[in-house]
Amino acid sequence: TYREMYFEGGISSVYLWDLDDEPSGKETSFAGVVLMKKTLA
């Protein structure tokens, strides 16, 4: 939705991965990446 509002097209993807080898408990740590691409042809 963010991509459509700001870029009016293009492609977006989000990927997450765990920073803890065995995530457990309420408090967790993780990392991720938000990707945006818009091509003007």
PDB file of all heavy atoms in Angstrom:
ATOM      1  N   THR A   1       0.834  -1.211   0.000  1.00  0.00           N
ATOM      2  CA  THR A   1       0.000   0.000   0.000  1.00  0.00           C
ATOM      3  C   THR A   1       0.863   1.253   0.000  1.00  0.00           C
ATOM      4  O   THR A   1       0.585   2.226  -0.720  1.00  0.00           O
ATOM      5  CB  THR A   1      -0.923  -0.003   1.231  1.00  0.00           C
ATOM      6  OG1 THR A   1      -1.717  -1.187   1.227  1.00  0.00           O
ATOM      7  CG2 THR A   1      -1.834   1.212   1.222  1.00  0.00           C
ATOM      8  N   TYR A   2       1.924   1.247   0.797  1.00  0.00           N
ATOM      9  CA  TYR A   2       2.866   2.387   0.842  1.00  0.00           C
ATOM     10  C   TYR A   2       3.451   2.653  -0.545  1.00  0.00           C
ATOM     11  O   TYR A   2       3.527   3.804  -0.997  1.00  0.00           O
ATOM     12  CB  TYR A   2       3.970   2.054   1.845  1.00  0.00           C
ATOM     13  CG  TYR A   2       5.147   2.995   1.849  1.00  0.00           C
ATOM     14  CD1 TYR A   2       5.186   4.096   2.703  1.00  0.00           C
ATOM     15  CD2 TYR A   2       6.244   2.784   1.004  1.00  0.00           C
ATOM     16  CE1 TYR A   2       6.279   4.953   2.716  1.00  0.00           C
ATOM     17  CE2 TYR A   2       7.334   3.641   1.010  1.00  0.00           C
ATOM     18  CZ  TYR A   2       7.346   4.714   1.865  1.00  0.00           C
ATOM     19  OH  TYR A   2       8.426   5.566   1.877  1.00  0.00           O
ATOM     20  N   ARG A   3       3.875   1.593  -1.223  1.00  0.00           N
ATOM     21  CA  ARG A   3       4.458   1.730  -2.561  1.00  0.00           C
ATOM     22  C   ARG A   3       3.473   2.353  -3.535  1.00  0.00           C
ATOM     23  O   ARG A   3       3.835   3.245  -4.319  1.00  0.00           O
ATOM     24  CB  ARG A   3       4.890   0.346  -3.074  1.00  0.00           C
ATOM     25  CG  ARG A   3       5.295   0.316  -4.537  1.00  0.00           C
ATOM     26  CD  ARG A   3       5.333  -1.104  -5.053  1.00  0.00           C
ATOM     27  NE  ARG A   3       4.077  -1.794  -4.860  1.00  0.00           N
ATOM     28  CZ  ARG A   3       2.987  -1.622  -5.591  1.00  0.00           C
ATOM     29  NH1 ARG A   3       2.990  -0.742  -6.578  1.00  0.00           N
ATOM     30  NH2 ARG A   3       1.894  -2.304  -5.348  1.00  0.00           N
ATOM     31  N   GLU A   4       2.221   1.945  -3.476  1.00  0.00           N
ATOM     32  CA  GLU A   4       1.228   2.480  -4.404  1.00  0.00           C
ATOM     33  C   GLU A   4       0.953   3.950  -4.119  1.00  0.00           C
ATOM     34  O   GLU A   4       0.731   4.742  -5.041  1.00  0.00           O
ATOM     35  CB  GLU A   4      -0.067   1.666  -4.307  1.00  0.00           C
ATOM     36  CG  GLU A   4      -1.063   1.946  -5.409  1.00  0.00           C
ATOM     37  CD  GLU A   4      -0.514   1.640  -6.797  1.00  0.00           C
ATOM     38  OE1 GLU A   4       0.189   0.625  -6.953  1.00  0.00           O
ATOM     39  OE2 GLU A   4      -0.774   2.436  -7.721  1.00  0.00           O
ATOM     40  N   MET A   5       0.993   4.341  -2.850  1.00  0.00           N
ATOM     41  CA  MET A   5       0.716   5.732  -2.478  1.00  0.00           C
ATOM     42  C   MET A   5       1.855   6.664  -2.875  1.00  0.00           C
ATOM     43  O   MET A   5       1.622   7.762  -3.391  1.00  0.00           O
ATOM     44  CB  MET A   5       0.475   5.830  -0.970  1.00  0.00           C
ATOM     45  CG  MET A   5      -0.821   5.187  -0.489  1.00  0.00           C
ATOM     46  SD  MET A   5      -0.968   5.253   1.316  1.00  0.00           S
ATOM     47  CE  MET A   5      -0.926   7.009   1.596  1.00  0.00           C
ATOM     48  N   TYR A   6       3.101   6.252  -2.662  1.00  0.00           N
ATOM     49  CA  TYR A   6       4.241   7.133  -2.893  1.00  0.00           C
ATOM     50  C   TYR A   6       4.847   6.984  -4.278  1.00  0.00           C
ATOM     51  O   TYR A   6       5.349   7.949  -4.845  1.00  0.00           O
ATOM     52  CB  TYR A   6       5.331   6.882  -1.841  1.00  0.00           C
ATOM     53  CG  TYR A   6       5.093   7.597  -0.535  1.00  0.00           C
ATOM     54  CD1 TYR A   6       4.507   6.947   0.550  1.00  0.00           C
ATOM     55  CD2 TYR A   6       5.450   8.928  -0.375  1.00  0.00           C
ATOM     56  CE1 TYR A   6       4.283   7.607   1.745  1.00  0.00           C
ATOM     57  CE2 TYR A   6       5.245   9.592   0.818  1.00  0.00           C
ATOM     58  CZ  TYR A   6       4.648   8.921   1.883  1.00  0.00           C
ATOM     59  OH  TYR A   6       4.429   9.580   3.056  1.00  0.00           O
ATOM     60  N   PHE A   7       4.850   5.779  -4.832  1.00  0.00           N
ATOM     61  CA  PHE A   7       5.517   5.539  -6.108  1.00  0.00           C
ATOM     62  C   PHE A   7       4.540   5.398  -7.268  1.00  0.00           C
ATOM     63  O   PHE A   7       4.959   5.483  -8.427  1.00  0.00           O
ATOM     64  CB  PHE A   7       6.374   4.269  -6.018  1.00  0.00           C
ATOM     65  CG  PHE A   7       7.571   4.396  -5.124  1.00  0.00           C
ATOM     66  CD1 PHE A   7       7.463   4.161  -3.762  1.00  0.00           C
ATOM     67  CD2 PHE A   7       8.805   4.754  -5.636  1.00  0.00           C
ATOM     68  CE1 PHE A   7       8.561   4.270  -2.933  1.00  0.00           C
ATOM     69  CE2 PHE A   7       9.908   4.871  -4.816  1.00  0.00           C
ATOM     70  CZ  PHE A   7       9.788   4.626  -3.454  1.00  0.00           C
ATOM     71  N   GLU A   8       3.267   5.156  -6.969  1.00  0.00           N
ATOM     72  CA  GLU A   8       2.241   4.974  -8.006  1.00  0.00           C
ATOM     73  C   GLU A   8       2.694   3.933  -9.028  1.00  0.00           C
ATOM     74  O   GLU A   8       2.643   4.134 -10.238  1.00  0.00           O
ATOM     75  CB  GLU A   8       1.922   6.305  -8.693  1.00  0.00           C
ATOM     76  CG  GLU A   8       1.348   7.339  -7.741  1.00  0.00           C
ATOM     77  CD  GLU A   8       1.025   8.650  -8.438  1.00  0.00           C
ATOM     78  OE1 GLU A   8       1.287   8.750  -9.656  1.00  0.00           O
ATOM     79  OE2 GLU A   8       0.503   9.556  -7.773  1.00  0.00           O
ATOM     80  N   GLY A   9       3.139   2.818  -8.533  1.00  0.00           N
ATOM     81  CA  GLY A   9       3.641   1.744  -9.377  1.00  0.00           C
ATOM     82  C   GLY A   9       4.876   1.133  -8.764  1.00  0.00           C
ATOM     83  O   GLY A   9       5.183   1.331  -7.583  1.00  0.00           O
ATOM     84  N   GLY A  10       5.615   0.379  -9.558  1.00  0.00           N
ATOM     85  CA  GLY A  10       6.830  -0.235  -9.054  1.00  0.00           C
ATOM     86  C   GLY A  10       6.553  -1.534  -8.325  1.00  0.00           C
ATOM     87  O   GLY A  10       5.452  -2.099  -8.375  1.00  0.00           O
ATOM     88  N   ILE A  11       7.572  -2.022  -7.607  1.00  0.00           N
ATOM     89  CA  ILE A  11       7.511  -3.298  -6.894  1.00  0.00           C
ATOM     90  C   ILE A  11       8.127  -3.107  -5.515  1.00  0.00           C
ATOM     91  O   ILE A  11       9.103  -2.363  -5.358  1.00  0.00           O
ATOM     92  CB  ILE A  11       8.267  -4.402  -7.656  1.00  0.00           C
ATOM     93  CG1 ILE A  11       7.762  -4.514  -9.098  1.00  0.00           C
ATOM     94  CG2 ILE A  11       8.112  -5.752  -6.965  1.00  0.00           C
ATOM     95  CD1 ILE A  11       8.624  -5.423  -9.961  1.00  0.00           C
ATOM     96  N   SER A  12       7.558  -3.779  -4.519  1.00  0.00           N
ATOM     97  CA  SER A  12       8.114  -3.752  -3.165  1.00  0.00           C
ATOM     98  C   SER A  12       8.174  -5.166  -2.613  1.00  0.00           C
ATOM     99  O   SER A  12       7.369  -6.030  -2.983  1.00  0.00           O
ATOM    100  CB  SER A  12       7.275  -2.869  -2.235  1.00  0.00           C
ATOM    101  OG  SER A  12       5.982  -3.412  -2.064  1.00  0.00           O
ATOM    102  N   SER A  13       9.129  -5.403  -1.730  1.00  0.00           N
ATOM    103  CA  SER A  13       9.258  -6.697  -1.060  1.00  0.00           C
ATOM    104  C   SER A  13       9.864  -6.471   0.320  1.00  0.00           C
ATOM    105  O   SER A  13      10.698  -5.572   0.496  1.00  0.00           O
ATOM    106  CB  SER A  13      10.145  -7.666  -1.854  1.00  0.00           C
ATOM    107  OG  SER A  13       9.578  -7.983  -3.101  1.00  0.00           O
ATOM    108  N   VAL A  14       9.453  -7.288   1.277  1.00  0.00           N
ATOM    109  CA  VAL A  14       9.986  -7.220   2.637  1.00  0.00           C
ATOM    110  C   VAL A  14      10.430  -8.621   3.043  1.00  0.00           C
ATOM    111  O   VAL A  14       9.692  -9.598   2.834  1.00  0.00           O
ATOM    112  CB  VAL A  14       8.936  -6.696   3.639  1.00  0.00           C
ATOM    113  CG1 VAL A  14       9.545  -6.609   5.036  1.00  0.00           C
ATOM    114  CG2 VAL A  14       8.402  -5.347   3.205  1.00  0.00           C
ATOM    115  N   TYR A  15      11.616  -8.713   3.628  1.00  0.00           N
ATOM    116  CA  TYR A  15      12.147 -10.000   4.086  1.00  0.00           C
ATOM    117  C   TYR A  15      12.645  -9.845   5.512  1.00  0.00           C
ATOM    118  O   TYR A  15      13.299  -8.856   5.848  1.00  0.00           O
ATOM    119  CB  TYR A  15      13.292 -10.472   3.185  1.00  0.00           C
ATOM    120  CG  TYR A  15      12.889 -10.607   1.732  1.00  0.00           C
ATOM    121  CD1 TYR A  15      13.214  -9.611   0.817  1.00  0.00           C
ATOM    122  CD2 TYR A  15      12.178 -11.714   1.289  1.00  0.00           C
ATOM    123  CE1 TYR A  15      12.839  -9.722  -0.517  1.00  0.00           C
ATOM    124  CE2 TYR A  15      11.800 -11.830  -0.034  1.00  0.00           C
ATOM    125  CZ  TYR A  15      12.126 -10.841  -0.928  1.00  0.00           C
ATOM    126  OH  TYR A  15      11.738 -10.944  -2.247  1.00  0.00           O
ATOM    127  N   LEU A  16      12.326 -10.829   6.344  1.00  0.00           N
ATOM    128  CA  LEU A  16      12.739 -10.828   7.752  1.00  0.00           C
ATOM    129  C   LEU A  16      13.529 -12.097   8.043  1.00  0.00           C
ATOM    130  O   LEU A  16      13.342 -13.129   7.397  1.00  0.00           O
ATOM    131  CB  LEU A  16      11.526 -10.762   8.674  1.00  0.00           C
ATOM    132  CG  LEU A  16      10.550  -9.585   8.504  1.00  0.00           C
ATOM    133  CD1 LEU A  16       9.424  -9.684   9.522  1.00  0.00           C
ATOM    134  CD2 LEU A  16      11.259  -8.247   8.617  1.00  0.00           C
ATOM    135  N   TRP A  17      14.403 -12.014   9.044  1.00  0.00           N
ATOM    136  CA  TRP A  17      15.119 -13.193   9.501  1.00  0.00           C
ATOM    137  C   TRP A  17      15.406 -13.048  10.992  1.00  0.00           C
ATOM    138  O   TRP A  17      15.515 -11.941  11.525  1.00  0.00           O
ATOM    139  CB  TRP A  17      16.410 -13.415   8.712  1.00  0.00           C
ATOM    140  CG  TRP A  17      17.370 -12.274   8.727  1.00  0.00           C
ATOM    141  CD1 TRP A  17      18.393 -12.046   9.600  1.00  0.00           C
ATOM    142  CD2 TRP A  17      17.402 -11.163   7.799  1.00  0.00           C
ATOM    143  NE1 TRP A  17      19.062 -10.892   9.273  1.00  0.00           N
ATOM    144  CE2 TRP A  17      18.486 -10.332   8.176  1.00  0.00           C
ATOM    145  CE3 TRP A  17      16.641 -10.809   6.685  1.00  0.00           C
ATOM    146  CZ2 TRP A  17      18.789  -9.149   7.492  1.00  0.00           C
ATOM    147  CZ3 TRP A  17      16.955  -9.651   6.009  1.00  0.00           C
ATOM    148  CH2 TRP A  17      18.017  -8.839   6.405  1.00  0.00           C
ATOM    149  N   ASP A  18      15.498 -14.187  11.671  1.00  0.00           N
ATOM    150  CA  ASP A  18      15.702 -14.213  13.123  1.00  0.00           C
ATOM    151  C   ASP A  18      17.159 -13.935  13.456  1.00  0.00           C
ATOM    152  O   ASP A  18      18.078 -14.415  12.786  1.00  0.00           O
ATOM    153  CB  ASP A  18      15.303 -15.578  13.696  1.00  0.00           C
ATOM    154  CG  ASP A  18      13.826 -15.880  13.501  1.00  0.00           C
ATOM    155  OD1 ASP A  18      13.007 -15.352  14.268  1.00  0.00           O
ATOM    156  OD2 ASP A  18      13.496 -16.638  12.568  1.00  0.00           O
ATOM    157  N   LEU A  19      17.377 -13.127  14.486  1.00  0.00           N
ATOM    158  CA  LEU A  19      18.723 -12.897  15.001  1.00  0.00           C
ATOM    159  C   LEU A  19      19.078 -13.895  16.089  1.00  0.00           C
ATOM    160  O   LEU A  19      20.263 -14.135  16.350  1.00  0.00           O
ATOM    161  CB  LEU A  19      18.849 -11.469  15.541  1.00  0.00           C
ATOM    162  CG  LEU A  19      18.783 -10.350  14.495  1.00  0.00           C
ATOM    163  CD1 LEU A  19      18.881  -8.987  15.176  1.00  0.00           C
ATOM    164  CD2 LEU A  19      19.867 -10.497  13.445  1.00  0.00           C
ATOM    165  N   ASP A  20      18.065 -14.454  16.738  1.00  0.00           N
ATOM    166  CA  ASP A  20      18.289 -15.490  17.748  1.00  0.00           C
ATOM    167  C   ASP A  20      18.263 -16.853  17.069  1.00  0.00           C
ATOM    168  O   ASP A  20      17.407 -17.130  16.221  1.00  0.00           O
ATOM    169  CB  ASP A  20      17.214 -15.435  18.834  1.00  0.00           C
ATOM    170  CG  ASP A  20      17.171 -14.080  19.533  1.00  0.00           C
ATOM    171  OD1 ASP A  20      18.253 -13.490  19.715  1.00  0.00           O
ATOM    172  OD2 ASP A  20      16.071 -13.617  19.865  1.00  0.00           O
ATOM    173  N   ASP A  21      19.199 -17.718  17.464  1.00  0.00           N
ATOM    174  CA  ASP A  21      19.230 -19.067  16.881  1.00  0.00           C
ATOM    175  C   ASP A  21      17.957 -19.839  17.191  1.00  0.00           C
ATOM    176  O   ASP A  21      17.426 -20.536  16.329  1.00  0.00           O
ATOM    177  CB  ASP A  21      20.451 -19.839  17.407  1.00  0.00           C
ATOM    178  CG  ASP A  21      21.755 -19.227  16.920  1.00  0.00           C
ATOM    179  OD1 ASP A  21      21.736 -18.582  15.854  1.00  0.00           O
ATOM    180  OD2 ASP A  21      22.780 -19.384  17.611  1.00  0.00           O
ATOM    181  N   GLU A  22      17.475 -19.706  18.410  1.00  0.00           N
ATOM    182  CA  GLU A  22      16.238 -20.366  18.810  1.00  0.00           C
ATOM    183  C   GLU A  22      15.344 -19.324  19.467  1.00  0.00           C
ATOM    184  O   GLU A  22      15.360 -19.151  20.681  1.00  0.00           O
ATOM    185  CB  GLU A  22      16.509 -21.523  19.781  1.00  0.00           C
ATOM    186  CG  GLU A  22      17.340 -22.651  19.159  1.00  0.00           C
ATOM    187  CD  GLU A  22      17.564 -23.784  20.140  1.00  0.00           C
ATOM    188  OE1 GLU A  22      17.074 -23.676  21.290  1.00  0.00           O
ATOM    189  OE2 GLU A  22      18.231 -24.760  19.764  1.00  0.00           O
ATOM    190  N   PRO A  23      14.571 -18.565  18.672  1.00  0.00           N
ATOM    191  CA  PRO A  23      13.720 -17.512  19.241  1.00  0.00           C
ATOM    192  C   PRO A  23      12.699 -18.078  20.216  1.00  0.00           C
ATOM    193  O   PRO A  23      11.979 -19.026  19.919  1.00  0.00           O
ATOM    194  CB  PRO A  23      13.033 -16.915  18.004  1.00  0.00           C
ATOM    195  CG  PRO A  23      13.142 -17.955  16.952  1.00  0.00           C
ATOM    196  CD  PRO A  23      14.395 -18.706  17.220  1.00  0.00           C
ATOM    197  N   SER A  24      12.672 -17.514  21.418  1.00  0.00           N
ATOM    198  CA  SER A  24      11.718 -17.955  22.438  1.00  0.00           C
ATOM    199  C   SER A  24      11.464 -16.791  23.374  1.00  0.00           C
ATOM    200  O   SER A  24      12.225 -15.824  23.449  1.00  0.00           O
ATOM    201  CB  SER A  24      12.267 -19.162  23.212  1.00  0.00           C
ATOM    202  OG  SER A  24      13.484 -18.828  23.847  1.00  0.00           O
ATOM    203  N   GLY A  25      10.384 -16.869  24.108  1.00  0.00           N
ATOM    204  CA  GLY A  25      10.039 -15.801  25.033  1.00  0.00           C
ATOM    205  C   GLY A  25       9.313 -14.671  24.350  1.00  0.00           C
ATOM    206  O   GLY A  25       9.104 -14.655  23.145  1.00  0.00           O
ATOM    207  N   LYS A  26       8.935 -13.683  25.152  1.00  0.00           N
ATOM    208  CA  LYS A  26       8.161 -12.559  24.620  1.00  0.00           C
ATOM    209  C   LYS A  26       9.043 -11.550  23.906  1.00  0.00           C
ATOM    210  O   LYS A  26       8.639 -10.962  22.922  1.00  0.00           O
ATOM    211  CB  LYS A  26       7.393 -11.890  25.769  1.00  0.00           C
ATOM    212  CG  LYS A  26       6.298 -12.772  26.364  1.00  0.00           C
ATOM    213  CD  LYS A  26       5.518 -12.019  27.431  1.00  0.00           C
ATOM    214  CE  LYS A  26       4.386 -12.874  27.994  1.00  0.00           C
ATOM    215  NZ  LYS A  26       3.612 -12.146  29.030  1.00  0.00           N
ATOM    216  N   GLU A  27      10.238 -11.307  24.421  1.00  0.00           N
ATOM    217  CA  GLU A  27      11.126 -10.329  23.810  1.00  0.00           C
ATOM    218  C   GLU A  27      11.996 -11.009  22.768  1.00  0.00           C
ATOM    219  O   GLU A  27      12.744 -11.937  23.075  1.00  0.00           O
ATOM    220  CB  GLU A  27      11.989  -9.654  24.878  1.00  0.00           C
ATOM    221  CG  GLU A  27      11.188  -8.845  25.889  1.00  0.00           C
ATOM    222  CD  GLU A  27      12.078  -8.104  26.861  1.00  0.00           C
ATOM    223  OE1 GLU A  27      13.314  -8.216  26.720  1.00  0.00           O
ATOM    224  OE2 GLU A  27      11.551  -7.409  27.748  1.00  0.00           O
ATOM    225  N   THR A  28      11.889 -10.569  21.543  1.00  0.00           N
ATOM    226  CA  THR A  28      12.633 -11.176  20.439  1.00  0.00           C
ATOM    227  C   THR A  28      13.457 -10.116  19.716  1.00  0.00           C
ATOM    228  O   THR A  28      13.180  -8.913  19.804  1.00  0.00           O
ATOM    229  CB  THR A  28      11.687 -11.851  19.431  1.00  0.00           C
ATOM    230  OG1 THR A  28      10.780 -10.853  18.913  1.00  0.00           O
ATOM    231  CG2 THR A  28      10.889 -12.965  20.100  1.00  0.00           C
ATOM    232  N   SER A  29      14.438 -10.592  19.009  1.00  0.00           N
ATOM    233  CA  SER A  29      15.272  -9.726  18.171  1.00  0.00           C
ATOM    234  C   SER A  29      15.273 -10.292  16.763  1.00  0.00           C
ATOM    235  O   SER A  29      15.434 -11.501  16.574  1.00  0.00           O
ATOM    236  CB  SER A  29      16.701  -9.653  18.709  1.00  0.00           C
ATOM    237  OG  SER A  29      16.731  -9.064  19.998  1.00  0.00           O
ATOM    238  N   PHE A  30      15.073  -9.423  15.796  1.00  0.00           N
ATOM    239  CA  PHE A  30      15.073  -9.865  14.406  1.00  0.00           C
ATOM    240  C   PHE A  30      15.584  -8.741  13.528  1.00  0.00           C
ATOM    241  O   PHE A  30      15.752  -7.591  13.959  1.00  0.00           O
ATOM    242  CB  PHE A  30      13.660 -10.293  13.971  1.00  0.00           C
ATOM    243  CG  PHE A  30      12.654  -9.179  13.943  1.00  0.00           C
ATOM    244  CD1 PHE A  30      12.428  -8.433  12.786  1.00  0.00           C
ATOM    245  CD2 PHE A  30      11.915  -8.866  15.084  1.00  0.00           C
ATOM    246  CE1 PHE A  30      11.498  -7.411  12.762  1.00  0.00           C
ATOM    247  CE2 PHE A  30      10.980  -7.835  15.070  1.00  0.00           C
ATOM    248  CZ  PHE A  30      10.775  -7.101  13.895  1.00  0.00           C
ATOM    249  N   ALA A  31      15.857  -9.075  12.288  1.00  0.00           N
ATOM    250  CA  ALA A  31      16.321  -8.102  11.302  1.00  0.00           C
ATOM    251  C   ALA A  31      15.518  -8.286  10.024  1.00  0.00           C
ATOM    252  O   ALA A  31      14.810  -9.283   9.854  1.00  0.00           O
ATOM    253  CB  ALA A  31      17.815  -8.276  11.038  1.00  0.00           C
ATOM    254  N   GLY A  32      15.640  -7.307   9.151  1.00  0.00           N
ATOM    255  CA  GLY A  32      14.879  -7.394   7.907  1.00  0.00           C
ATOM    256  C   GLY A  32      15.343  -6.356   6.909  1.00  0.00           C
ATOM    257  O   GLY A  32      16.228  -5.530   7.194  1.00  0.00           O
ATOM    258  N   VAL A  33      14.753  -6.413   5.739  1.00  0.00           N
ATOM    259  CA  VAL A  33      15.062  -5.451   4.685  1.00  0.00           C
ATOM    260  C   VAL A  33      13.782  -5.127   3.932  1.00  0.00           C
ATOM    261  O   VAL A  33      12.969  -6.011   3.654  1.00  0.00           O
ATOM    262  CB  VAL A  33      16.144  -6.000   3.723  1.00  0.00           C
ATOM    263  CG1 VAL A  33      15.688  -7.282   3.037  1.00  0.00           C
ATOM    264  CG2 VAL A  33      16.530  -4.958   2.681  1.00  0.00           C
ATOM    265  N   VAL A  34      13.590  -3.840   3.660  1.00  0.00           N
ATOM    266  CA  VAL A  34      12.460  -3.356   2.862  1.00  0.00           C
ATOM    267  C   VAL A  34      13.030  -2.882   1.525  1.00  0.00           C
ATOM    268  O   VAL A  34      13.919  -2.025   1.491  1.00  0.00           O
ATOM    269  CB  VAL A  34      11.719  -2.207   3.567  1.00  0.00           C
ATOM    270  CG1 VAL A  34      10.567  -1.702   2.694  1.00  0.00           C
ATOM    271  CG2 VAL A  34      11.192  -2.656   4.923  1.00  0.00           C
ATOM    272  N   LEU A  35      12.528  -3.452   0.439  1.00  0.00           N
ATOM    273  CA  LEU A  35      13.030  -3.156  -0.903  1.00  0.00           C
ATOM    274  C   LEU A  35      11.968  -2.434  -1.719  1.00  0.00           C
ATOM    275  O   LEU A  35      10.795  -2.800  -1.685  1.00  0.00           O
ATOM    276  CB  LEU A  35      13.434  -4.442  -1.633  1.00  0.00           C
ATOM    277  CG  LEU A  35      14.380  -5.392  -0.893  1.00  0.00           C
ATOM    278  CD1 LEU A  35      14.589  -6.654  -1.712  1.00  0.00           C
ATOM    279  CD2 LEU A  35      15.711  -4.719  -0.586  1.00  0.00           C
ATOM    280  N   MET A  36      12.389  -1.407  -2.460  1.00  0.00           N
ATOM    281  CA  MET A  36      11.502  -0.658  -3.352  1.00  0.00           C
ATOM    282  C   MET A  36      12.204  -0.463  -4.695  1.00  0.00           C
ATOM    283  O   MET A  36      13.404  -0.152  -4.735  1.00  0.00           O
ATOM    284  CB  MET A  36      11.168   0.731  -2.782  1.00  0.00           C
ATOM    285  CG  MET A  36      10.507   0.709  -1.427  1.00  0.00           C
ATOM    286  SD  MET A  36       8.748   0.399  -1.523  1.00  0.00           S
ATOM    287  CE  MET A  36       8.346   0.457   0.231  1.00  0.00           C
ATOM    288  N   LYS A  37      11.457  -0.643  -5.765  1.00  0.00           N
ATOM    289  CA  LYS A  37      12.018  -0.412  -7.095  1.00  0.00           C
ATOM    290  C   LYS A  37      10.946   0.188  -7.991  1.00  0.00           C
ATOM    291  O   LYS A  37       9.831  -0.311  -8.059  1.00  0.00           O
ATOM    292  CB  LYS A  37      12.528  -1.709  -7.717  1.00  0.00           C
ATOM    293  CG  LYS A  37      13.276  -1.497  -9.045  1.00  0.00           C
ATOM    294  CD  LYS A  37      13.761  -2.822  -9.612  1.00  0.00           C
ATOM    295  CE  LYS A  37      14.601  -2.610 -10.871  1.00  0.00           C
ATOM    296  NZ  LYS A  37      15.930  -2.060 -10.570  1.00  0.00           N
ATOM    297  N   LYS A  38      11.317   1.280  -8.673  1.00  0.00           N
ATOM    298  CA  LYS A  38      10.425   1.928  -9.647  1.00  0.00           C
ATOM    299  C   LYS A  38      11.249   2.216 -10.899  1.00  0.00           C
ATOM    300  O   LYS A  38      12.325   2.809 -10.825  1.00  0.00           O
ATOM    301  CB  LYS A  38       9.855   3.224  -9.075  1.00  0.00           C
ATOM    302  CG  LYS A  38       9.031   4.058 -10.056  1.00  0.00           C
ATOM    303  CD  LYS A  38       7.704   3.392 -10.407  1.00  0.00           C
ATOM    304  CE  LYS A  38       6.891   4.264 -11.371  1.00  0.00           C
ATOM    305  NZ  LYS A  38       6.353   5.478 -10.732  1.00  0.00           N
ATOM    306  N   THR A  39      10.739   1.781 -12.037  1.00  0.00           N
ATOM    307  CA  THR A  39      11.409   1.990 -13.315  1.00  0.00           C
ATOM    308  C   THR A  39      10.559   2.902 -14.177  1.00  0.00           C
ATOM    309  O   THR A  39       9.357   2.665 -14.354  1.00  0.00           O
ATOM    310  CB  THR A  39      11.649   0.659 -14.037  1.00  0.00           C
ATOM    311  OG1 THR A  39      12.467  -0.185 -13.211  1.00  0.00           O
ATOM    312  CG2 THR A  39      12.364   0.887 -15.364  1.00  0.00           C
ATOM    313  N   LEU A  40      11.190   3.958 -14.699  1.00  0.00           N
ATOM    314  CA  LEU A  40      10.521   4.877 -15.614  1.00  0.00           C
ATOM    315  C   LEU A  40      10.991   4.554 -17.018  1.00  0.00           C
ATOM    316  O   LEU A  40      12.123   4.840 -17.398  1.00  0.00           O
ATOM    317  CB  LEU A  40      10.849   6.328 -15.268  1.00  0.00           C
ATOM    318  CG  LEU A  40      10.285   7.407 -16.203  1.00  0.00           C
ATOM    319  CD1 LEU A  40       8.761   7.413 -16.153  1.00  0.00           C
ATOM    320  CD2 LEU A  40      10.837   8.774 -15.845  1.00  0.00           C
ATOM    321  N   ALA A  41      10.113   3.925 -17.787  1.00  0.00           N
ATOM    322  CA  ALA A  41      10.441   3.553 -19.157  1.00  0.00           C
ATOM    323  C   ALA A  41       9.769   4.507 -20.126  1.00  0.00           C
ATOM    324  O   ALA A  41       8.762   5.144 -19.801  1.00  0.00           O
ATOM    325  CB  ALA A  41       9.999   2.114 -19.436  1.00  0.00           C
TER     326      ALA A  41
END
